[in-house]
Protein backbone atom coordinates (compact mmCIF):
# COMPACT_ATOMS: atom_id res chain seq x y z
CA MET A 1 -31.09 -9.58 -18.47
CA GLN A 2 -32.37 -11.79 -16.11
CA SER A 3 -29.41 -14.53 -16.77
CA HIS A 4 -27.16 -11.27 -15.46
CA TYR A 5 -28.41 -10.88 -12.33
CA LEU A 6 -28.16 -14.76 -11.66
CA GLU A 7 -24.22 -14.20 -12.69
CA LEU A 8 -24.04 -11.33 -10.27
CA ILE A 9 -25.90 -13.38 -7.36
CA VAL A 10 -23.34 -16.59 -8.02
CA GLN A 11 -20.40 -14.08 -8.40
CA GLY A 12 -21.14 -12.29 -5.07
CA SER A 13 -21.65 -15.66 -3.39
CA LEU A 14 -18.25 -16.46 -3.88
CA TYR A 15 -16.93 -13.12 -2.99
CA ALA A 16 -18.66 -13.46 0.14
CA LEU A 17 -17.43 -16.89 0.94
CA VAL A 18 -13.82 -15.32 0.09
CA ALA A 19 -14.03 -12.79 2.52
CA PHE A 20 -15.18 -15.42 4.54
CA SER A 21 -12.14 -17.34 4.43
CA VAL A 22 -9.94 -14.31 4.94
CA VAL A 23 -11.46 -13.36 8.32
CA THR A 24 -11.48 -17.25 9.55
CA TRP A 25 -7.40 -17.59 9.15
CA VAL A 26 -6.78 -14.11 10.03
CA LEU A 27 -8.75 -14.78 13.27
CA ILE A 28 -7.07 -18.08 13.33
CA ALA A 29 -3.67 -16.69 13.47
CA ALA A 30 -4.24 -14.10 15.67
CA LYS A 31 -5.86 -15.88 18.17
CA GLY A 32 -2.64 -18.52 18.14
CA ILE A 33 -0.66 -15.80 18.35
CA GLN A 34 -2.63 -14.29 21.57
CA HIS A 35 -2.67 -17.76 23.49
CA TYR A 36 0.77 -17.99 22.55
CA ARG A 37 2.23 -15.08 23.79
CA LEU A 38 -0.71 -15.23 27.11
CA GLY A 39 0.67 -18.52 27.99
CA LYS A 40 4.44 -17.56 28.14
CA ARG A 41 3.88 -14.70 29.71
CA ASP A 42 2.02 -16.28 32.45
CA LYS A 43 4.20 -19.13 32.86
CA ALA A 44 6.87 -16.54 33.12
CA PHE A 45 4.82 -14.72 35.93
CA GLY A 46 3.77 -17.57 37.80
CA LYS A 47 7.30 -18.96 38.21
CA ALA A 48 8.42 -15.31 39.28
CA PHE A 49 5.44 -15.06 42.16
CA TRP A 50 5.86 -18.49 43.38
CA SER A 51 9.33 -18.09 44.07
CA ALA A 52 8.80 -14.68 46.01
CA SER A 53 9.57 -15.02 49.41
CA SER A 54 6.65 -13.76 50.56
CA LEU A 55 3.13 -12.13 49.58
CA ASP A 56 4.91 -8.79 50.39
CA ALA A 57 7.60 -9.63 47.73
CA ALA A 58 5.28 -10.54 44.90
CA ALA A 59 3.28 -7.78 45.42
CA ALA A 60 6.42 -6.45 44.67
CA LEU A 61 6.25 -7.68 41.07
CA PRO A 62 6.55 -5.88 37.89
CA SER A 63 3.01 -6.24 36.53
CA GLY A 64 3.23 -7.66 33.02
CA ALA A 65 0.84 -8.15 30.47
CA SER A 66 -0.78 -11.64 30.93
CA PRO A 67 -4.20 -13.32 32.49
CA LYS A 68 -2.05 -14.04 35.83
CA ALA A 69 -0.23 -11.04 35.80
CA ARG A 70 -3.43 -8.84 35.72
CA LEU A 71 -5.24 -11.29 38.21
CA ALA A 72 -2.43 -10.92 41.06
CA GLU A 73 -2.58 -6.99 39.98
CA VAL A 74 -6.12 -6.91 41.30
CA GLY A 75 -5.82 -8.88 44.18
CA PHE A 76 -3.36 -6.91 45.39
CA GLU A 77 -5.25 -3.93 44.83
CA ALA A 78 -8.05 -5.17 47.06
CA LEU A 79 -5.40 -6.06 49.69
CA TYR A 80 -4.21 -2.63 49.66
CA VAL A 81 -7.23 -1.44 50.54
CA SER A 82 -6.96 0.45 54.40
CA ASP A 83 -9.12 0.85 56.86
CA ALA A 84 -9.82 4.60 56.00
CA ASP A 85 -10.80 3.39 52.50
CA ALA A 86 -13.12 0.23 54.02
CA SER A 87 -15.21 2.73 55.76
CA ALA A 88 -15.28 5.50 52.79
CA ASP A 89 -17.75 4.01 50.35
CA LEU A 90 -19.85 1.12 49.52
CA GLU A 91 -17.50 -0.45 47.27
CA HIS A 92 -14.60 -1.11 49.96
CA SER A 93 -17.45 -1.72 53.19
CA TRP A 94 -17.08 -5.64 52.22
CA ASP A 95 -15.42 -7.88 54.14
CA ARG A 96 -11.95 -7.97 53.11
CA ARG A 97 -11.98 -11.64 51.75
CA GLU A 98 -15.07 -11.12 49.99
CA LEU A 99 -13.46 -7.99 48.69
CA LEU A 100 -10.75 -10.02 47.26
CA GLU A 101 -12.61 -12.80 46.06
CA ARG A 102 -15.02 -10.51 44.47
CA TYR A 103 -12.16 -8.44 42.45
CA LEU A 104 -10.76 -11.98 41.71
CA ARG A 105 -13.66 -13.29 40.12
CA GLN A 106 -14.89 -9.70 38.47
CA GLN A 107 -10.68 -10.18 36.35
CA ILE A 108 -11.45 -13.42 35.51
CA GLN A 109 -14.49 -12.36 33.67
CA LYS A 110 -12.89 -9.65 32.00
CA GLU A 111 -10.12 -12.28 31.01
CA TYR A 112 -12.77 -14.67 29.48
CA GLN A 113 -14.20 -12.13 27.59
CA SER A 114 -11.00 -10.98 26.18
CA LEU A 115 -10.28 -14.45 25.26
CA GLU A 116 -13.57 -15.35 24.02
CA SER A 117 -13.40 -12.27 21.78
CA GLY A 118 -13.61 -13.56 18.11
CA LEU A 119 -14.80 -16.48 18.84
CA ALA A 120 -18.34 -15.76 17.62
CA VAL A 121 -17.39 -14.62 14.49
CA LEU A 122 -15.71 -18.04 13.89
CA ALA A 123 -18.82 -20.12 14.95
CA SER A 124 -20.76 -17.93 12.44
CA ILE A 125 -18.96 -18.30 9.98
CA GLY A 126 -18.70 -22.18 10.32
CA SER A 127 -22.54 -22.38 10.46
CA THR A 128 -23.37 -19.56 7.53
CA ALA A 129 -20.74 -20.61 5.21
CA PRO A 130 -22.21 -23.67 3.61
CA PHE A 131 -25.47 -22.01 3.18
CA VAL A 132 -23.88 -18.94 1.36
CA GLY A 133 -22.35 -21.55 -1.07
CA LEU A 134 -25.48 -23.36 -1.40
CA PHE A 135 -27.43 -20.17 -1.80
CA GLY A 136 -24.90 -19.48 -4.90
CA THR A 137 -25.41 -22.84 -6.23
CA VAL A 138 -29.26 -22.81 -6.35
CA PHE A 139 -29.24 -19.60 -8.35
CA GLY A 140 -25.97 -21.08 -10.44
CA ILE A 141 -28.01 -24.32 -11.46
CA ILE A 142 -31.28 -21.40 -12.29
CA HIS A 143 -28.84 -19.71 -14.17
CA ALA A 144 -27.24 -23.03 -16.01
CA LEU A 145 -30.74 -24.80 -16.78
CA GLY A 146 -31.56 -21.50 -18.56
CA ALA A 147 -28.66 -21.94 -20.39
CA ILE A 148 -29.50 -25.03 -21.49
CA GLY A 149 -32.90 -24.30 -22.30
CA ALA A 150 -31.81 -21.55 -24.55
CA SER A 151 -29.48 -23.95 -26.36
CA GLY A 152 -32.02 -26.13 -27.25
CA SER A 153 -30.04 -29.58 -26.41
CA ALA A 154 -29.40 -31.41 -22.87
CA SER A 155 -27.39 -33.55 -24.00
CA ILE A 156 -24.34 -34.37 -21.20
CA ASP A 157 -21.75 -32.53 -22.69
CA VAL A 158 -24.22 -29.42 -22.50
CA VAL A 159 -25.42 -30.15 -19.14
CA ALA A 160 -22.11 -30.80 -17.49
CA GLY A 161 -20.02 -27.72 -17.67
CA PRO A 162 -22.81 -25.28 -16.06
CA ILE A 163 -23.94 -27.40 -13.31
CA GLY A 164 -20.33 -27.98 -12.37
CA GLU A 165 -19.54 -24.73 -12.35
CA ALA A 166 -22.80 -23.94 -10.15
CA LEU A 167 -21.78 -26.79 -7.54
CA ILE A 168 -18.31 -25.19 -7.00
CA ALA A 169 -20.45 -22.63 -4.66
CA THR A 170 -21.25 -25.34 -2.52
CA GLY A 171 -17.92 -26.96 -2.43
CA VAL A 172 -16.28 -23.16 -1.40
CA GLY A 173 -18.69 -22.65 1.54
CA ILE A 174 -17.63 -26.35 2.88
CA ALA A 175 -14.21 -25.76 2.28
CA VAL A 176 -14.58 -22.08 4.26
CA ALA A 177 -17.02 -23.53 7.25
CA VAL A 178 -14.56 -26.82 7.87
CA PRO A 179 -11.47 -24.77 9.36
CA ALA A 180 -13.60 -21.65 11.27
CA VAL A 181 -15.31 -25.16 12.94
CA LEU A 182 -12.54 -26.88 13.97
CA ALA A 183 -10.45 -23.88 14.90
CA PHE A 184 -13.95 -22.84 16.99
CA ASN A 185 -13.89 -25.85 18.96
CA PHE A 186 -10.10 -25.86 19.50
CA TYR A 187 -9.97 -22.15 20.97
CA VAL A 188 -13.30 -23.01 23.21
CA ARG A 189 -11.18 -25.49 24.83
CA ARG A 190 -8.52 -23.55 25.50
CA LEU A 191 -10.30 -21.21 26.97
CA LYS A 192 -12.07 -23.82 29.26
CA VAL A 193 -8.18 -24.97 30.15
CA THR A 194 -7.27 -21.18 30.74
CA ALA A 195 -10.24 -20.13 32.57
CA ALA A 196 -9.52 -23.41 35.08
CA GLU A 197 -6.23 -22.10 35.21
CA LEU A 198 -7.53 -19.03 36.59
CA ASP A 199 -9.76 -20.10 39.14
CA ASN A 200 -7.39 -22.50 40.50
CA TYR A 201 -4.94 -19.81 40.65
CA ALA A 202 -7.23 -17.07 42.58
CA THR A 203 -7.92 -19.72 45.04
CA ASP A 204 -4.23 -20.15 45.96
CA PHE A 205 -4.05 -16.40 46.37
CA VAL A 206 -6.69 -16.30 48.45
CA ASN A 207 -5.83 -19.01 50.44
CA LEU A 208 -2.03 -16.90 50.31
CA ALA A 209 -4.21 -14.07 51.24
CA GLN A 210 -5.89 -15.66 54.29
CA LYS A 211 -2.29 -16.69 55.68
CA ASN A 212 -1.38 -13.47 55.53
CA ASN A 213 -4.40 -11.69 57.14
CA PHE A 214 -5.92 -10.59 53.54
CA ARG A 215 -2.99 -7.46 54.51
CA VAL A 216 -0.05 -6.77 52.65
CA SER A 217 2.18 -4.13 54.03
CA ALA A 218 3.20 -2.72 49.98
CA ALA A 219 2.28 0.62 48.99
CA PRO A 220 -0.80 1.42 46.81
CA ALA A 221 0.69 1.32 43.12
CA GLY A 222 2.99 4.01 42.39
CA LYS A 223 5.02 3.94 45.73
CA THR A 224 7.65 1.99 46.76
CA PRO A 225 6.55 -1.70 48.24
CA VAL A 226 7.68 -2.32 51.53
CA ARG A 227 9.07 -5.76 51.46
CA ASP A 228 9.32 -8.32 54.05
CA ALA A 229 13.18 -8.66 54.81
CA GLY A 230 13.11 -11.59 57.04
CA ALA A 231 11.23 -13.45 55.15
CA GLN A 232 12.62 -16.64 53.72
CA GLY A 233 11.61 -19.91 51.18
CA SER A 234 9.01 -19.13 48.69
CA LEU A 235 5.22 -18.67 48.65
CA ALA A 236 4.59 -22.29 46.94
CA ALA A 237 6.48 -23.51 49.96
CA GLY A 238 3.88 -22.47 52.36
CA LEU A 239 0.74 -23.99 50.66
CA PRO A 240 -0.32 -27.67 50.83
CA ALA A 241 0.57 -29.92 47.68
CA GLY A 242 -1.64 -28.96 45.02
CA VAL A 243 -1.99 -27.25 41.70
CA TYR A 244 -0.59 -24.00 41.42
CA ALA A 245 1.58 -22.58 38.33
């Protein structure tokens, strides 16, 4: 009976490691697709944004499903606030620059949290999988030693088989942990790069808004924006040489 329970513990450890492996590779694929799609959309939006003739023209761009597009959307939302709204409640009682920076800062935090999702699971699997494998190995060795004792022989051909089977759990645990740790480190690096790009974009957006007195003539969402017909060139030409994309 005890031998049966030991076998169940070892099998349970292996099943848990298989589940960990499936979750790991699903997250690796999902995060890879997420970063690829968002990077592609950010690049397309950045090109359209910096090619706009004015901030009002940029406000008329369709919002897209990318971090920079959503950041611009909340930025224009802050610039849309009318004087009547500014005195209506505490939320809109901030100075226009402070209001814009607050909106952008909060949106960057939301984007960071969205990109960070799933990384804690990868970190947990990477740190616990070897111990789950070791846990299975310990009970596997106990089971193997019991079987050896019951056979009454300690020769190498009797010992090697059960002990080798018990060590499989440790090997599986390490094999599951390595991809999880590597993926976690890679995506944390990507997250830091994306966060830095969003910070740079937010800084450029504030500078552009300052040149426009923190106002845009575009109407709030749901209404047709008013374009600046006399504007020429692009937004990128209105900024000093720096990082924007």
